[in-house]
Amino acid sequence: MHHTNHHINHHQSGFTLLEVLITVIILSIGILGLAGLQFNALRSNQNAAQSTIAALQLIDAADRLRGNLTGANNGDYDELAGGGEDPGCISTGCTRQQLAQYDAWSWNNQITALPGGEGIICLDSTPNDGNSSTEPVCDGALTGGLQIFAAKIWWDDDRNPETPRRRQTMSITP
């Protein structure tokens, strides 16, 4: 009798459970990393949009000052902050004081597009200070004999009361 020894080679095909588990973990870490990148990109876009709104509002403040030079020269725009109401004179004609009141009302209503947004226009030789429109640190000083106004805007960009509010400023010579 002739016996043939056949060696049966069993080749394993497919993945083991351990290999699948490792692959899923690696993919999960990659997806979490991508989600983090996406979140940071969205936050950066939001910050850029808010900074753009603030910059446009500062330009608007400069235009308002230059549009009422008599009011600016007579101090009607110094310490001009939010609040107040529309004097209702735009269609009938405003005095310089009423126009400054309207500008304050209109300007600050637009700043509320920023979260917790507030602003002030004041005479200030050092515009990059102050914490809010109630604490603007406006010195009222002339700079080289010129009235130099500061338009200051603050907002809560991360909606966290523990972090400082963002501030954007512009010096304006009417």
N, C-alpha and C. Protein backbone atom coordinates (compact mmCIF):
# COMPACT_ATOMS: atom_id res chain seq x y z
N MET A 1 0.81 -1.14 0.00
CA MET A 1 0.00 0.00 0.00
C MET A 1 0.88 1.23 0.00
N HIS A 2 0.41 2.00 -0.78
CA HIS A 2 1.18 3.21 -1.01
C HIS A 2 0.42 4.38 -0.39
N HIS A 3 1.05 4.96 0.52
CA HIS A 3 0.40 6.11 1.18
C HIS A 3 1.07 7.40 0.73
N THR A 4 0.26 8.27 0.40
CA THR A 4 0.78 9.59 0.02
C THR A 4 0.40 10.56 1.14
N ASN A 5 1.41 11.17 1.61
CA ASN A 5 1.15 12.18 2.64
C ASN A 5 0.89 13.53 1.96
N HIS A 6 -0.26 13.90 2.10
CA HIS A 6 -0.60 15.22 1.55
C HIS A 6 -0.59 16.23 2.68
N HIS A 7 0.19 17.17 2.45
CA HIS A 7 0.18 18.28 3.43
C HIS A 7 -0.81 19.31 2.94
N ILE A 8 -1.75 19.47 3.74
CA ILE A 8 -2.76 20.47 3.36
C ILE A 8 -2.33 21.81 3.93
N ASN A 9 -2.12 22.71 3.04
CA ASN A 9 -1.76 24.07 3.45
C ASN A 9 -3.03 24.89 3.55
N HIS A 10 -3.25 25.35 4.73
CA HIS A 10 -4.41 26.22 4.94
C HIS A 10 -3.91 27.66 4.90
N HIS A 11 -4.26 28.35 3.88
CA HIS A 11 -3.93 29.77 3.80
C HIS A 11 -5.11 30.55 4.33
N GLN A 12 -4.76 31.44 5.23
CA GLN A 12 -5.82 32.24 5.83
C GLN A 12 -6.13 33.39 4.88
N SER A 13 -7.37 33.59 4.63
CA SER A 13 -7.73 34.71 3.77
C SER A 13 -8.68 35.62 4.53
N GLY A 14 -8.66 36.91 4.19
CA GLY A 14 -9.51 37.89 4.88
C GLY A 14 -8.78 38.52 6.05
N PHE A 15 -9.52 39.25 6.86
CA PHE A 15 -8.94 39.98 7.99
C PHE A 15 -9.38 39.34 9.29
N THR A 16 -8.53 39.46 10.24
CA THR A 16 -8.92 39.01 11.57
C THR A 16 -9.68 40.13 12.24
N LEU A 17 -10.36 39.80 13.28
CA LEU A 17 -11.13 40.80 14.02
C LEU A 17 -10.22 41.89 14.58
N LEU A 18 -9.03 41.52 14.98
CA LEU A 18 -8.08 42.49 15.52
C LEU A 18 -7.64 43.48 14.45
N GLU A 19 -7.40 43.02 13.26
CA GLU A 19 -7.02 43.92 12.17
C GLU A 19 -8.14 44.89 11.85
N VAL A 20 -9.37 44.42 11.83
CA VAL A 20 -10.53 45.28 11.56
C VAL A 20 -10.65 46.32 12.66
N LEU A 21 -10.47 45.90 13.91
CA LEU A 21 -10.57 46.84 15.03
C LEU A 21 -9.51 47.93 14.94
N ILE A 22 -8.30 47.57 14.62
CA ILE A 22 -7.21 48.56 14.49
C ILE A 22 -7.52 49.52 13.34
N THR A 23 -8.01 49.01 12.24
CA THR A 23 -8.36 49.86 11.10
C THR A 23 -9.46 50.84 11.47
N VAL A 24 -10.46 50.39 12.18
CA VAL A 24 -11.56 51.27 12.59
C VAL A 24 -11.05 52.36 13.53
N ILE A 25 -10.16 52.01 14.44
CA ILE A 25 -9.60 53.01 15.37
C ILE A 25 -8.80 54.05 14.61
N ILE A 26 -7.97 53.63 13.68
CA ILE A 26 -7.16 54.58 12.90
C ILE A 26 -8.07 55.50 12.07
N LEU A 27 -9.08 54.93 11.44
CA LEU A 27 -10.01 55.76 10.67
C LEU A 27 -10.76 56.74 11.56
N SER A 28 -11.15 56.29 12.75
CA SER A 28 -11.87 57.17 13.68
C SER A 28 -11.02 58.36 14.11
N ILE A 29 -9.75 58.09 14.40
CA ILE A 29 -8.84 59.17 14.77
C ILE A 29 -8.68 60.15 13.61
N GLY A 30 -8.58 59.66 12.41
CA GLY A 30 -8.47 60.54 11.23
C GLY A 30 -9.71 61.38 11.04
N ILE A 31 -10.88 60.78 11.21
CA ILE A 31 -12.13 61.52 11.05
C ILE A 31 -12.28 62.58 12.14
N LEU A 32 -11.89 62.24 13.38
CA LEU A 32 -11.93 63.24 14.45
C LEU A 32 -10.99 64.40 14.15
N GLY A 33 -9.83 64.09 13.61
CA GLY A 33 -8.89 65.16 13.23
C GLY A 33 -9.48 66.07 12.17
N LEU A 34 -10.13 65.50 11.17
CA LEU A 34 -10.78 66.30 10.13
C LEU A 34 -11.91 67.15 10.70
N ALA A 35 -12.68 66.58 11.64
CA ALA A 35 -13.76 67.34 12.27
C ALA A 35 -13.20 68.53 13.05
N GLY A 36 -12.07 68.31 13.73
CA GLY A 36 -11.42 69.41 14.45
C GLY A 36 -10.96 70.51 13.51
N LEU A 37 -10.39 70.13 12.39
CA LEU A 37 -9.97 71.12 11.39
C LEU A 37 -11.16 71.90 10.86
N GLN A 38 -12.25 71.21 10.61
CA GLN A 38 -13.46 71.87 10.11
C GLN A 38 -14.00 72.86 11.15
N PHE A 39 -14.00 72.46 12.41
CA PHE A 39 -14.48 73.34 13.48
C PHE A 39 -13.61 74.60 13.57
N ASN A 40 -12.28 74.43 13.52
CA ASN A 40 -11.38 75.58 13.58
C ASN A 40 -11.58 76.50 12.36
N ALA A 41 -11.81 75.92 11.21
CA ALA A 41 -12.05 76.74 10.01
C ALA A 41 -13.34 77.54 10.15
N LEU A 42 -14.39 76.93 10.68
CA LEU A 42 -15.65 77.65 10.88
C LEU A 42 -15.48 78.78 11.89
N ARG A 43 -14.76 78.52 12.98
CA ARG A 43 -14.53 79.56 13.99
C ARG A 43 -13.71 80.71 13.40
N SER A 44 -12.70 80.39 12.60
CA SER A 44 -11.89 81.44 11.97
C SER A 44 -12.73 82.26 10.99
N ASN A 45 -13.59 81.60 10.24
CA ASN A 45 -14.48 82.33 9.32
C ASN A 45 -15.42 83.25 10.08
N GLN A 46 -15.94 82.79 11.21
CA GLN A 46 -16.83 83.62 12.01
C GLN A 46 -16.07 84.83 12.55
N ASN A 47 -14.85 84.63 13.06
CA ASN A 47 -14.05 85.75 13.56
C ASN A 47 -13.73 86.74 12.46
N ALA A 48 -13.43 86.25 11.27
CA ALA A 48 -13.14 87.14 10.15
C ALA A 48 -14.38 87.94 9.75
N ALA A 49 -15.53 87.31 9.76
CA ALA A 49 -16.78 88.03 9.42
C ALA A 49 -17.07 89.11 10.45
N GLN A 50 -16.86 88.80 11.73
CA GLN A 50 -17.11 89.80 12.77
C GLN A 50 -16.11 90.95 12.67
N SER A 51 -14.87 90.65 12.38
CA SER A 51 -13.87 91.72 12.21
C SER A 51 -14.21 92.60 11.02
N THR A 52 -14.74 92.02 9.97
CA THR A 52 -15.14 92.79 8.79
C THR A 52 -16.31 93.71 9.13
N ILE A 53 -17.29 93.21 9.86
CA ILE A 53 -18.43 94.05 10.28
C ILE A 53 -17.92 95.21 11.12
N ALA A 54 -17.02 94.94 12.06
CA ALA A 54 -16.47 96.01 12.91
C ALA A 54 -15.71 97.03 12.07
N ALA A 55 -14.91 96.57 11.13
CA ALA A 55 -14.15 97.51 10.28
C ALA A 55 -15.09 98.39 9.46
N LEU A 56 -16.15 97.80 8.93
CA LEU A 56 -17.12 98.59 8.16
C LEU A 56 -17.83 99.60 9.04
N GLN A 57 -18.10 99.24 10.28
CA GLN A 57 -18.74 100.18 11.20
C GLN A 57 -17.79 101.32 11.58
N LEU A 58 -16.50 101.04 11.68
CA LEU A 58 -15.54 102.11 11.96
C LEU A 58 -15.45 103.08 10.78
N ILE A 59 -15.48 102.56 9.58
CA ILE A 59 -15.48 103.42 8.39
C ILE A 59 -16.77 104.25 8.35
N ASP A 60 -17.88 103.63 8.74
CA ASP A 60 -19.15 104.34 8.80
C ASP A 60 -19.09 105.49 9.81
N ALA A 61 -18.43 105.26 10.95
CA ALA A 61 -18.28 106.33 11.95
C ALA A 61 -17.49 107.50 11.36
N ALA A 62 -16.42 107.20 10.64
CA ALA A 62 -15.62 108.26 10.02
C ALA A 62 -16.46 109.04 9.01
N ASP A 63 -17.25 108.34 8.23
CA ASP A 63 -18.12 109.01 7.25
C ASP A 63 -19.14 109.90 7.94
N ARG A 64 -19.70 109.44 9.04
CA ARG A 64 -20.69 110.23 9.77
C ARG A 64 -20.07 111.50 10.35
N LEU A 65 -18.85 111.37 10.90
CA LEU A 65 -18.16 112.55 11.43
C LEU A 65 -17.88 113.56 10.32
N ARG A 66 -17.39 113.08 9.22
CA ARG A 66 -17.05 113.97 8.12
C ARG A 66 -18.29 114.54 7.44
N GLY A 67 -19.41 113.85 7.59
CA GLY A 67 -20.67 114.35 7.02
C GLY A 67 -21.31 115.45 7.85
N ASN A 68 -20.87 115.62 9.08
CA ASN A 68 -21.40 116.66 9.97
C ASN A 68 -20.21 117.36 10.62
N LEU A 69 -19.40 118.04 9.81
CA LEU A 69 -18.20 118.71 10.33
C LEU A 69 -18.52 119.75 11.38
N THR A 70 -19.61 120.48 11.20
CA THR A 70 -19.98 121.49 12.18
C THR A 70 -20.26 120.83 13.53
N GLY A 71 -20.99 119.72 13.50
CA GLY A 71 -21.25 118.99 14.74
C GLY A 71 -19.98 118.42 15.35
N ALA A 72 -19.09 117.87 14.51
CA ALA A 72 -17.83 117.32 15.02
C ALA A 72 -16.98 118.42 15.64
N ASN A 73 -16.88 119.57 14.98
CA ASN A 73 -16.07 120.67 15.49
C ASN A 73 -16.64 121.29 16.75
N ASN A 74 -17.95 121.18 16.95
CA ASN A 74 -18.59 121.73 18.14
C ASN A 74 -18.72 120.70 19.27
N GLY A 75 -18.13 119.53 19.12
CA GLY A 75 -18.11 118.54 20.20
C GLY A 75 -19.35 117.66 20.30
N ASP A 76 -20.23 117.70 19.29
CA ASP A 76 -21.45 116.90 19.36
C ASP A 76 -21.18 115.40 19.24
N TYR A 77 -19.99 115.03 18.78
CA TYR A 77 -19.66 113.61 18.62
C TYR A 77 -18.74 113.10 19.72
N ASP A 78 -18.34 113.97 20.64
CA ASP A 78 -17.46 113.52 21.72
C ASP A 78 -18.28 112.74 22.74
N GLU A 79 -17.79 111.54 23.07
CA GLU A 79 -18.46 110.63 24.00
C GLU A 79 -19.83 110.20 23.47
N LEU A 80 -19.92 110.00 22.18
CA LEU A 80 -21.15 109.59 21.52
C LEU A 80 -21.24 108.07 21.57
N ALA A 81 -22.12 107.58 22.43
CA ALA A 81 -22.26 106.12 22.61
C ALA A 81 -23.68 105.72 22.27
N GLY A 82 -23.97 104.46 22.51
CA GLY A 82 -25.28 103.89 22.16
C GLY A 82 -26.42 104.46 22.95
N GLY A 83 -27.56 103.89 22.72
CA GLY A 83 -28.75 104.35 23.40
C GLY A 83 -29.41 105.46 22.62
N GLY A 84 -30.27 106.15 23.29
CA GLY A 84 -30.99 107.23 22.63
C GLY A 84 -31.98 106.68 21.63
N GLU A 85 -32.55 107.58 20.90
CA GLU A 85 -33.52 107.18 19.90
C GLU A 85 -33.43 108.07 18.69
N ASP A 86 -34.08 107.67 17.65
CA ASP A 86 -34.11 108.41 16.40
C ASP A 86 -34.82 109.74 16.63
N PRO A 87 -34.15 110.88 16.38
CA PRO A 87 -34.81 112.16 16.58
C PRO A 87 -35.89 112.45 15.54
N GLY A 88 -35.99 111.63 14.51
CA GLY A 88 -37.04 111.77 13.52
C GLY A 88 -36.93 113.00 12.63
N CYS A 89 -35.72 113.45 12.39
CA CYS A 89 -35.54 114.68 11.62
C CYS A 89 -34.95 114.45 10.24
N ILE A 90 -34.61 113.23 9.89
CA ILE A 90 -33.91 112.98 8.63
C ILE A 90 -34.72 113.47 7.43
N SER A 91 -36.00 113.24 7.43
CA SER A 91 -36.82 113.65 6.28
C SER A 91 -37.16 115.14 6.31
N THR A 92 -37.10 115.77 7.48
CA THR A 92 -37.48 117.18 7.59
C THR A 92 -36.30 118.13 7.73
N GLY A 93 -35.14 117.59 8.04
CA GLY A 93 -33.94 118.42 8.24
C GLY A 93 -33.55 118.44 9.70
N CYS A 94 -32.28 118.13 9.95
CA CYS A 94 -31.77 118.02 11.32
C CYS A 94 -30.85 119.19 11.64
N THR A 95 -30.84 119.57 12.90
CA THR A 95 -29.79 120.45 13.39
C THR A 95 -28.53 119.62 13.53
N ARG A 96 -27.40 120.27 13.77
CA ARG A 96 -26.16 119.51 13.91
C ARG A 96 -26.23 118.57 15.10
N GLN A 97 -26.87 118.99 16.20
CA GLN A 97 -27.00 118.13 17.37
C GLN A 97 -27.92 116.94 17.09
N GLN A 98 -29.03 117.20 16.39
CA GLN A 98 -29.96 116.12 16.06
C GLN A 98 -29.30 115.11 15.12
N LEU A 99 -28.50 115.61 14.19
CA LEU A 99 -27.81 114.70 13.28
C LEU A 99 -26.81 113.83 14.04
N ALA A 100 -26.11 114.41 15.01
CA ALA A 100 -25.20 113.62 15.85
C ALA A 100 -25.98 112.59 16.65
N GLN A 101 -27.15 112.98 17.17
CA GLN A 101 -28.00 112.03 17.92
C GLN A 101 -28.47 110.91 17.00
N TYR A 102 -28.89 111.27 15.80
CA TYR A 102 -29.31 110.25 14.83
C TYR A 102 -28.14 109.32 14.49
N ASP A 103 -26.96 109.89 14.27
CA ASP A 103 -25.79 109.08 13.94
C ASP A 103 -25.47 108.09 15.06
N ALA A 104 -25.55 108.56 16.31
CA ALA A 104 -25.30 107.66 17.45
C ALA A 104 -26.32 106.53 17.47
N TRP A 105 -27.58 106.86 17.30
CA TRP A 105 -28.65 105.87 17.32
C TRP A 105 -28.47 104.85 16.18
N SER A 106 -28.27 105.35 14.97
CA SER A 106 -28.15 104.49 13.81
C SER A 106 -26.88 103.63 13.87
N TRP A 107 -25.76 104.26 14.20
CA TRP A 107 -24.48 103.57 14.24
C TRP A 107 -24.50 102.44 15.26
N ASN A 108 -24.99 102.73 16.45
CA ASN A 108 -25.01 101.71 17.49
C ASN A 108 -26.03 100.61 17.21
N ASN A 109 -27.11 100.92 16.51
CA ASN A 109 -28.05 99.86 16.12
C ASN A 109 -27.39 98.88 15.16
N GLN A 110 -26.50 99.37 14.31
CA GLN A 110 -25.82 98.49 13.37
C GLN A 110 -24.75 97.65 14.07
N ILE A 111 -24.14 98.19 15.11
CA ILE A 111 -23.10 97.45 15.85
C ILE A 111 -23.70 96.25 16.56
N THR A 112 -25.00 96.29 16.86
CA THR A 112 -25.62 95.17 17.54
C THR A 112 -25.65 93.91 16.67
N ALA A 113 -25.22 94.00 15.41
CA ALA A 113 -25.07 92.80 14.58
C ALA A 113 -23.94 91.93 15.12
N LEU A 114 -23.04 92.53 15.89
CA LEU A 114 -21.98 91.77 16.54
C LEU A 114 -22.49 91.25 17.88
N PRO A 115 -22.09 90.05 18.31
CA PRO A 115 -22.57 89.54 19.60
C PRO A 115 -22.09 90.41 20.76
N GLY A 116 -23.03 91.00 21.47
CA GLY A 116 -22.68 91.90 22.57
C GLY A 116 -22.01 93.17 22.09
N GLY A 117 -22.25 93.55 20.84
CA GLY A 117 -21.55 94.69 20.25
C GLY A 117 -21.95 96.02 20.85
N GLU A 118 -20.97 96.87 21.07
CA GLU A 118 -21.19 98.24 21.54
C GLU A 118 -20.04 99.10 21.05
N GLY A 119 -20.31 100.39 20.94
CA GLY A 119 -19.27 101.27 20.45
C GLY A 119 -19.41 102.68 20.99
N ILE A 120 -18.38 103.46 20.76
CA ILE A 120 -18.37 104.86 21.18
C ILE A 120 -17.48 105.63 20.21
N ILE A 121 -17.82 106.89 20.02
CA ILE A 121 -16.99 107.84 19.29
C ILE A 121 -16.63 108.91 20.30
N CYS A 122 -15.34 109.23 20.41
CA CYS A 122 -14.92 110.22 21.40
C CYS A 122 -13.59 110.85 20.97
N LEU A 123 -13.28 111.98 21.59
CA LEU A 123 -11.97 112.58 21.42
C LEU A 123 -10.99 111.77 22.26
N ASP A 124 -9.94 111.27 21.62
CA ASP A 124 -9.03 110.40 22.35
C ASP A 124 -7.69 110.35 21.63
N SER A 125 -6.63 110.71 22.33
CA SER A 125 -5.30 110.66 21.72
C SER A 125 -4.68 109.26 21.82
N THR A 126 -5.30 108.40 22.62
CA THR A 126 -4.81 107.02 22.76
C THR A 126 -5.99 106.07 22.52
N PRO A 127 -6.29 105.75 21.26
CA PRO A 127 -7.51 105.01 20.96
C PRO A 127 -7.52 103.54 21.36
N ASN A 128 -6.36 102.94 21.57
CA ASN A 128 -6.31 101.49 21.81
C ASN A 128 -6.40 101.14 23.29
N ASP A 129 -7.39 101.69 23.95
CA ASP A 129 -7.63 101.37 25.35
C ASP A 129 -9.13 101.34 25.60
N GLY A 130 -9.48 101.04 26.81
CA GLY A 130 -10.89 100.95 27.17
C GLY A 130 -11.41 99.53 27.06
N ASN A 131 -12.43 99.24 27.87
CA ASN A 131 -13.00 97.90 27.93
C ASN A 131 -14.42 97.80 27.41
N SER A 132 -15.12 98.93 27.34
CA SER A 132 -16.51 98.93 26.88
C SER A 132 -16.93 100.37 26.66
N SER A 133 -18.14 100.57 26.15
CA SER A 133 -18.62 101.93 25.95
C SER A 133 -18.91 102.63 27.28
N THR A 134 -19.05 101.87 28.35
CA THR A 134 -19.22 102.49 29.67
C THR A 134 -17.88 102.76 30.34
N GLU A 135 -16.81 102.12 29.87
CA GLU A 135 -15.45 102.36 30.34
C GLU A 135 -14.52 102.54 29.14
N PRO A 136 -14.76 103.61 28.33
CA PRO A 136 -14.01 103.73 27.07
C PRO A 136 -12.61 104.31 27.21
N VAL A 137 -12.29 104.92 28.35
CA VAL A 137 -11.00 105.57 28.60
C VAL A 137 -10.70 106.58 27.49
N CYS A 138 -11.61 107.49 27.27
CA CYS A 138 -11.41 108.57 26.30
C CYS A 138 -10.83 109.76 27.06
N ASP A 139 -9.69 110.27 26.61
CA ASP A 139 -9.03 111.35 27.35
C ASP A 139 -9.49 112.75 26.93
N GLY A 140 -10.20 112.88 25.83
CA GLY A 140 -10.70 114.18 25.39
C GLY A 140 -9.62 115.15 24.96
N ALA A 141 -8.40 114.67 24.80
CA ALA A 141 -7.27 115.54 24.50
C ALA A 141 -7.18 115.83 23.01
N LEU A 142 -6.71 117.02 22.71
CA LEU A 142 -6.37 117.37 21.34
C LEU A 142 -4.98 116.82 21.05
N THR A 143 -4.73 116.44 19.83
CA THR A 143 -3.43 115.91 19.44
C THR A 143 -2.81 116.89 18.46
N GLY A 144 -1.77 117.56 18.90
CA GLY A 144 -1.13 118.56 18.05
C GLY A 144 -2.09 119.68 17.68
N GLY A 145 -3.00 120.02 18.57
CA GLY A 145 -3.98 121.07 18.32
C GLY A 145 -5.16 120.61 17.46
N LEU A 146 -5.17 119.35 17.06
CA LEU A 146 -6.24 118.82 16.22
C LEU A 146 -7.20 117.96 17.04
N GLN A 147 -8.46 118.01 16.63
CA GLN A 147 -9.43 117.09 17.21
C GLN A 147 -9.26 115.75 16.51
N ILE A 148 -8.79 114.77 17.24
CA ILE A 148 -8.68 113.43 16.68
C ILE A 148 -9.64 112.54 17.46
N PHE A 149 -10.63 112.08 16.75
CA PHE A 149 -11.64 111.23 17.35
C PHE A 149 -11.19 109.78 17.27
N ALA A 150 -11.67 109.00 18.20
CA ALA A 150 -11.47 107.55 18.16
C ALA A 150 -12.85 106.91 18.09
N ALA A 151 -13.02 106.03 17.15
CA ALA A 151 -14.22 105.18 17.12
C ALA A 151 -13.76 103.83 17.66
N LYS A 152 -14.45 103.36 18.69
CA LYS A 152 -14.07 102.11 19.34
C LYS A 152 -15.27 101.18 19.35
N ILE A 153 -15.02 99.93 19.02
CA ILE A 153 -16.07 98.91 19.02
C ILE A 153 -15.58 97.71 19.81
N TRP A 154 -16.45 97.19 20.67
CA TRP A 154 -16.16 95.97 21.43
C TRP A 154 -17.25 94.95 21.14
N TRP A 155 -16.87 93.68 21.15
CA TRP A 155 -17.86 92.60 21.03
C TRP A 155 -17.30 91.33 21.66
N ASP A 156 -18.20 90.42 21.93
CA ASP A 156 -17.86 89.15 22.58
C ASP A 156 -17.75 88.08 21.49
N ASP A 157 -16.57 87.91 20.94
CA ASP A 157 -16.41 87.03 19.78
C ASP A 157 -16.55 85.55 20.11
N ASP A 158 -16.27 85.15 21.34
CA ASP A 158 -16.40 83.73 21.68
C ASP A 158 -17.56 83.45 22.63
N ARG A 159 -18.30 84.49 22.97
CA ARG A 159 -19.46 84.39 23.87
C ARG A 159 -19.09 83.74 25.20
N ASN A 160 -17.89 84.02 25.65
CA ASN A 160 -17.42 83.50 26.92
C ASN A 160 -17.14 84.70 27.83
N PRO A 161 -17.89 84.86 28.91
CA PRO A 161 -17.69 86.02 29.78
C PRO A 161 -16.34 86.03 30.49
N GLU A 162 -15.65 84.91 30.50
CA GLU A 162 -14.35 84.82 31.17
C GLU A 162 -13.21 85.39 30.33
N THR A 163 -13.38 85.47 29.03
CA THR A 163 -12.32 85.97 28.15
C THR A 163 -12.56 87.44 27.84
N PRO A 164 -11.49 88.20 27.57
CA PRO A 164 -11.68 89.62 27.24
C PRO A 164 -12.44 89.79 25.92
N ARG A 165 -13.18 90.88 25.86
CA ARG A 165 -13.93 91.20 24.64
C ARG A 165 -12.95 91.69 23.58
N ARG A 166 -13.28 91.45 22.33
CA ARG A 166 -12.46 91.96 21.23
C ARG A 166 -12.72 93.45 21.06
N ARG A 167 -11.70 94.16 20.70
CA ARG A 167 -11.82 95.61 20.47
C ARG A 167 -11.19 95.93 19.13
N GLN A 168 -11.86 96.81 18.40
CA GLN A 168 -11.31 97.31 17.15
C GLN A 168 -11.51 98.83 17.18
N THR A 169 -10.49 99.58 16.78
CA THR A 169 -10.54 101.03 16.87
C THR A 169 -10.06 101.67 15.58
N MET A 170 -10.41 102.95 15.46
CA MET A 170 -9.92 103.74 14.33
C MET A 170 -9.80 105.19 14.80
N SER A 171 -8.69 105.82 14.48
CA SER A 171 -8.55 107.25 14.73
C SER A 171 -9.06 108.02 13.53
N ILE A 172 -9.81 109.09 13.80
CA ILE A 172 -10.46 109.83 12.73
C ILE A 172 -10.18 111.31 12.90
N THR A 173 -9.68 111.93 11.86
CA THR A 173 -9.53 113.38 11.83
C THR A 173 -10.56 113.90 10.83
N PRO A 174 -11.61 114.56 11.36
CA PRO A 174 -12.66 115.03 10.42
C PRO A 174 -12.17 116.11 9.48
